[in-house]
Protein backbone atom coordinates (compact mmCIF):
# COMPACT_ATOMS: atom_id res chain seq x y z
CA MET A 1 122.16 -21.18 149.82
CA GLU A 2 119.75 -21.77 146.85
CA LYS A 3 116.12 -20.87 148.08
CA LEU A 4 113.19 -22.62 146.70
CA HIS A 5 110.87 -20.66 144.56
CA ARG A 6 108.39 -23.22 143.17
CA LYS A 7 104.98 -21.67 142.28
CA LYS A 8 102.22 -24.12 143.24
CA GLU A 9 98.89 -24.43 141.36
CA TYR A 10 96.09 -23.24 143.51
CA LEU A 11 93.11 -25.61 143.53
CA ASP A 12 89.73 -24.06 144.40
CA GLU A 13 87.97 -27.42 144.79
CA ILE A 14 90.66 -28.44 147.45
CA ASP A 15 89.33 -25.63 149.57
CA VAL A 16 85.76 -26.52 148.98
CA LEU A 17 86.57 -30.12 149.91
CA LYS A 18 88.27 -28.94 153.14
CA ALA A 19 85.30 -26.53 153.80
CA ILE A 20 82.68 -29.41 153.54
CA GLY A 21 85.24 -31.71 155.61
CA ILE A 22 85.12 -29.01 158.34
CA ILE A 23 81.38 -29.08 158.33
CA LEU A 24 81.35 -32.69 158.63
CA VAL A 25 83.40 -32.82 161.61
CA VAL A 26 81.41 -30.30 163.48
CA ILE A 27 78.39 -32.32 162.77
CA GLY A 28 80.10 -35.64 163.63
CA HIS A 29 81.07 -33.99 166.99
CA SER A 30 77.63 -32.51 167.77
CA PHE A 31 75.84 -35.97 169.03
CA PRO A 32 75.74 -35.50 172.83
CA ASP A 33 75.31 -39.33 173.45
CA ALA A 34 78.05 -40.46 170.70
CA SER A 35 80.56 -41.20 173.47
CA ALA A 36 77.78 -42.88 175.87
CA ALA A 37 78.08 -46.67 176.58
CA SER A 38 74.57 -46.87 174.98
CA GLY A 39 75.65 -45.01 171.75
CA ILE A 40 73.50 -42.51 169.94
CA SER A 41 70.02 -43.17 170.66
CA SER A 42 68.49 -41.81 167.40
CA VAL A 43 68.60 -44.20 164.49
CA PHE A 44 68.74 -41.25 161.80
CA GLY A 45 71.52 -39.61 163.88
CA LYS A 46 73.55 -42.70 164.24
CA MET A 47 73.21 -43.31 160.46
CA ILE A 48 74.48 -39.77 159.80
CA TYR A 49 77.40 -40.25 162.28
CA ASN A 50 78.45 -43.36 160.83
CA ILE A 51 78.36 -42.04 157.24
CA ILE A 52 80.51 -39.03 158.12
CA TYR A 53 82.86 -41.01 160.09
CA SER A 54 83.44 -43.67 157.49
CA PHE A 55 85.31 -41.15 155.09
CA HIS A 56 85.90 -37.65 156.45
CA MET A 57 89.30 -38.20 158.08
CA PRO A 58 90.67 -40.11 155.01
CA ALA A 59 89.38 -37.11 152.91
CA PHE A 60 91.48 -34.58 154.90
CA VAL A 61 94.61 -36.68 154.43
CA PHE A 62 93.96 -37.24 150.66
CA ALA A 63 93.72 -33.39 150.20
CA SER A 64 96.97 -33.04 152.24
CA GLY A 65 98.50 -35.35 149.82
CA ILE A 66 97.26 -33.60 146.84
CA VAL A 67 98.39 -30.15 147.89
CA SER A 68 101.72 -31.70 149.06
CA TYR A 69 102.70 -32.94 145.66
CA ASN A 70 106.48 -32.50 145.14
CA PHE A 71 109.87 -34.26 144.76
CA TYR A 72 112.60 -33.23 147.26
CA GLN A 73 115.97 -33.74 145.65
CA THR A 74 118.65 -32.09 147.83
CA ILE A 75 119.40 -32.28 151.59
CA TYR A 76 118.67 -28.43 151.49
CA GLU A 77 115.21 -28.88 149.93
CA LYS A 78 114.36 -31.54 152.33
CA GLN A 79 115.38 -29.55 155.37
CA CYS A 80 113.43 -26.64 154.24
CA ALA A 81 110.41 -29.00 153.71
CA ILE A 82 110.74 -30.59 157.24
CA ARG A 83 111.16 -27.39 158.95
CA LYS A 84 108.11 -25.89 157.21
CA ARG A 85 105.94 -29.01 158.17
CA ALA A 86 107.25 -28.94 161.64
CA ILE A 87 106.13 -25.31 162.10
CA ARG A 88 102.79 -25.92 160.76
CA LEU A 89 102.01 -29.27 162.39
CA LEU A 90 104.18 -29.94 165.40
CA ILE A 91 104.06 -26.49 167.12
CA PRO A 92 100.35 -26.54 167.33
CA TYR A 93 100.38 -30.16 168.35
CA PHE A 94 102.87 -29.27 171.30
CA VAL A 95 101.54 -25.91 172.21
CA TRP A 96 97.77 -26.84 172.41
CA GLY A 97 98.66 -30.10 174.04
CA ILE A 98 100.53 -28.41 177.01
CA VAL A 99 97.87 -25.65 177.10
CA TYR A 100 95.20 -28.18 177.54
CA ILE A 101 96.79 -30.05 180.58
CA PRO A 102 95.44 -27.84 183.26
CA PHE A 103 91.97 -28.14 181.92
CA ARG A 104 92.43 -32.03 181.80
CA ILE A 105 93.54 -32.22 185.43
CA ILE A 106 90.67 -29.83 186.58
CA LEU A 107 87.98 -31.92 184.75
CA ASN A 108 89.44 -35.22 185.44
CA GLY A 109 86.19 -36.18 187.26
CA PHE A 110 84.30 -35.70 184.03
CA ALA A 111 86.54 -37.70 181.66
CA SER A 112 86.27 -41.12 180.50
CA GLU A 113 89.99 -41.68 181.26
CA ALA A 114 91.76 -39.68 183.94
CA PHE A 115 94.84 -37.86 183.04
CA ARG A 116 98.11 -38.22 185.03
CA ILE A 117 100.89 -35.58 184.78
CA ASN A 118 103.58 -38.48 184.97
CA GLN A 119 102.12 -39.45 181.41
CA ILE A 120 102.98 -36.21 179.82
CA TRP A 121 106.09 -37.93 178.12
CA ARG A 122 103.69 -39.71 176.00
CA ILE A 123 102.83 -36.55 174.00
CA PHE A 124 106.13 -37.39 171.97
CA ILE A 125 104.68 -40.64 170.87
CA GLY A 126 101.40 -39.34 169.70
CA ASP A 127 99.36 -39.72 173.04
CA ASN A 128 98.42 -36.00 173.31
CA PRO A 129 96.45 -34.82 176.43
CA TYR A 130 94.11 -33.09 173.77
CA SER A 131 93.61 -36.32 172.06
CA GLY A 132 92.04 -34.52 168.83
CA LEU A 133 95.62 -33.60 167.80
CA TRP A 134 96.40 -36.91 166.83
CA PHE A 135 95.88 -35.98 163.25
CA LEU A 136 98.76 -33.37 163.27
CA TYR A 137 101.24 -35.76 164.68
CA THR A 138 100.29 -38.50 162.19
CA LEU A 139 100.18 -36.08 159.45
CA PHE A 140 103.79 -34.89 160.15
CA LEU A 141 105.18 -38.45 160.44
CA ILE A 142 103.64 -39.39 157.09
CA SER A 143 105.04 -36.18 155.56
CA LEU A 144 108.30 -37.27 156.63
CA LEU A 145 108.22 -40.30 154.81
CA HIS A 146 107.24 -38.32 151.81
CA ILE A 147 110.02 -35.78 152.00
CA LEU A 148 112.78 -38.15 152.89
CA ILE A 149 111.98 -40.81 150.58
CA ILE A 150 110.04 -39.78 147.51
CA ASP A 151 112.27 -38.09 144.95
CA ASN A 152 110.84 -39.43 141.68
CA ASP A 153 107.63 -41.27 140.28
CA LYS A 154 109.05 -44.83 140.85
CA ARG A 155 109.46 -44.31 144.64
CA LEU A 156 106.08 -42.68 144.80
CA MET A 157 104.45 -45.77 143.28
CA LEU A 158 106.51 -48.00 145.42
CA LEU A 159 105.43 -46.33 148.56
CA PHE A 160 101.93 -46.09 147.37
CA GLY A 161 101.91 -49.91 146.58
CA ILE A 162 103.45 -50.72 150.00
CA SER A 163 100.75 -48.31 151.81
CA ILE A 164 97.93 -50.78 150.06
CA ILE A 165 99.50 -53.64 151.42
CA GLY A 166 99.81 -51.94 154.97
CA ILE A 167 96.06 -50.64 154.95
CA VAL A 168 94.87 -54.18 154.22
CA ILE A 169 97.11 -55.63 157.10
CA ASN A 170 95.85 -52.87 159.35
CA GLU A 171 92.39 -53.89 158.84
CA VAL A 172 92.83 -57.44 160.14
CA ILE A 173 95.80 -57.02 162.77
CA ALA A 174 95.62 -55.00 166.06
CA ILE A 175 98.70 -52.49 165.53
CA VAL A 176 99.72 -50.18 168.48
CA GLU A 177 99.21 -46.35 168.05
CA PRO A 178 100.51 -44.29 166.55
CA ILE A 179 101.83 -46.78 163.91
CA LYS A 180 98.34 -47.93 163.38
CA TRP A 181 97.50 -44.39 162.43
CA ILE A 182 100.48 -43.86 160.07
CA ILE A 183 99.71 -47.26 158.40
CA ALA A 184 95.97 -46.49 158.03
CA TYR A 185 96.36 -42.96 156.69
CA SER A 186 99.60 -43.22 154.49
CA PHE A 187 97.43 -44.94 151.94
CA TYR A 188 95.14 -41.87 151.46
CA TYR A 189 98.32 -39.27 151.66
CA PHE A 190 100.19 -41.27 149.03
CA GLY A 191 97.11 -41.67 146.94
CA GLY A 192 96.61 -37.92 146.86
CA LEU A 193 100.22 -37.58 145.61
CA VAL A 194 99.34 -40.07 142.85
CA PHE A 195 96.09 -38.34 142.16
CA LYS A 196 98.07 -34.92 141.58
CA LYS A 197 100.53 -36.38 139.63
CA ASN A 198 97.65 -37.41 137.17
CA TYR A 199 95.64 -34.33 138.17
CA SER A 200 94.37 -33.00 134.87
CA PHE A 201 92.89 -36.32 133.59
CA LEU A 202 91.43 -37.46 136.69
CA LYS A 203 89.72 -33.89 137.48
CA LYS A 204 87.98 -33.96 134.04
CA PHE A 205 86.98 -37.52 134.95
CA PHE A 206 85.54 -36.87 138.37
CA GLU A 207 83.92 -33.80 137.16
CA LYS A 208 81.37 -35.72 134.96
CA LYS A 209 77.79 -35.91 136.28
CA ILE A 210 77.57 -39.69 135.53
CA VAL A 211 80.72 -40.45 137.43
CA ARG A 212 79.44 -38.35 140.48
CA ILE A 213 76.06 -40.50 140.38
CA MET A 214 78.00 -43.72 140.13
CA LEU A 215 80.24 -42.75 143.19
CA VAL A 216 77.11 -41.91 145.17
CA PHE A 217 75.63 -45.40 144.45
CA LEU A 218 78.95 -47.11 144.97
CA PHE A 219 79.42 -45.33 148.33
CA GLY A 220 76.00 -46.14 149.43
CA ASN A 221 76.26 -49.96 148.48
CA MET A 222 79.85 -50.23 150.35
CA PHE A 223 78.50 -48.12 153.37
CA VAL A 224 75.34 -50.65 153.67
CA ILE A 225 77.75 -53.71 153.45
CA LYS A 226 80.17 -52.12 155.96
CA MET A 227 77.25 -51.75 158.50
CA LYS A 228 75.71 -55.04 157.95
CA LEU A 229 79.31 -56.78 158.54
CA GLN A 230 79.78 -54.61 161.66
CA SER A 231 76.35 -55.72 163.02
CA ASN A 232 77.65 -59.23 162.76
CA GLY A 233 80.74 -58.38 164.78
CA LEU A 234 82.97 -58.05 161.60
CA TYR A 235 85.01 -54.87 161.35
CA PHE A 236 87.44 -55.14 158.51
CA PHE A 237 85.44 -53.58 155.73
CA ASN A 238 86.43 -49.93 156.05
CA ILE A 239 88.66 -49.23 152.99
CA LEU A 240 86.15 -49.36 149.98
CA PRO A 241 83.47 -47.12 151.52
CA ALA A 242 86.24 -44.77 152.64
CA VAL A 243 87.80 -44.39 149.13
CA CYS A 244 84.35 -44.10 147.43
CA GLY A 245 83.43 -41.52 150.00
CA VAL A 246 86.65 -39.56 149.50
CA LEU A 247 86.17 -39.57 145.86
CA MET A 248 82.59 -38.68 146.16
CA LEU A 249 83.45 -35.78 148.22
CA TYR A 250 86.15 -34.61 145.75
CA SER A 251 83.73 -34.87 142.77
CA PHE A 252 81.13 -32.77 144.68
CA SER A 253 83.97 -30.34 145.62
CA CYS A 254 84.55 -29.80 141.87
CA LEU A 255 80.86 -29.15 141.37
CA LEU A 256 80.76 -26.62 143.99
CA LYS A 257 84.18 -24.90 143.60
CA GLU A 258 82.70 -21.58 142.64
CA ASN A 259 80.81 -21.30 145.97
CA LYS A 260 82.65 -18.38 147.48
CA ILE A 261 81.37 -19.14 151.22
CA LEU A 262 82.91 -22.77 151.04
CA ARG A 263 86.22 -21.47 149.28
CA LYS A 264 86.61 -18.76 152.03
CA MET A 265 85.87 -21.45 154.67
CA GLY A 266 88.34 -23.90 153.24
CA THR A 267 91.05 -21.22 152.72
CA TYR A 268 91.03 -20.16 156.44
């Protein structure tokens, strides 16, 4: 069989974006009272937490879309791509989920929700004992849509358009997991594919200082509106601050792409 030999363009700014994203994840998980019923007690800490959680996961999925840009034409190409994604995403998803089970059982008394061994089957529908691994499961399923359906620009734009409709619907209608995750993050993944399709032009645009300043301003305003709405019990204004935050992070990643520490962190 013919083997795939496609040399991919290496993007230092995406390594930097991943590194900053990793730092944000660590900070976001460093508030000891984040899961308490009363929430984070520090006003400043709560603001930082909410800022991070408004865009950091969409940024990871967006970056995944950028580096995954490809059209798979033949059955063999699709098989190779699916196998590669399964090795990278599903193996750690299942292995770490199973390794985590004994610890979940031993520490049930300290968990907000007790784990029951008869629920292990739920790992196949995205409900992993190690709950943080939902990201791997979701990314694999979104990747399947990419590999199996998108084989030309027309289909890419069609799925991107559908994902826009889906994420809007997802904002106002309660949808069961993991379908909810797939709908919520397909928009950012397919957006990353579209971004990579027009990468030369878009990169030059987002490298401009004035664009970076505008994105900071837009994100700040969108974030304030989001928090104002949430304080009034309205939880549907998440898309615009997330998009602004993702593009803002990308713009700063282009600025910092020569930083060797961030590049090394993102690489590994």
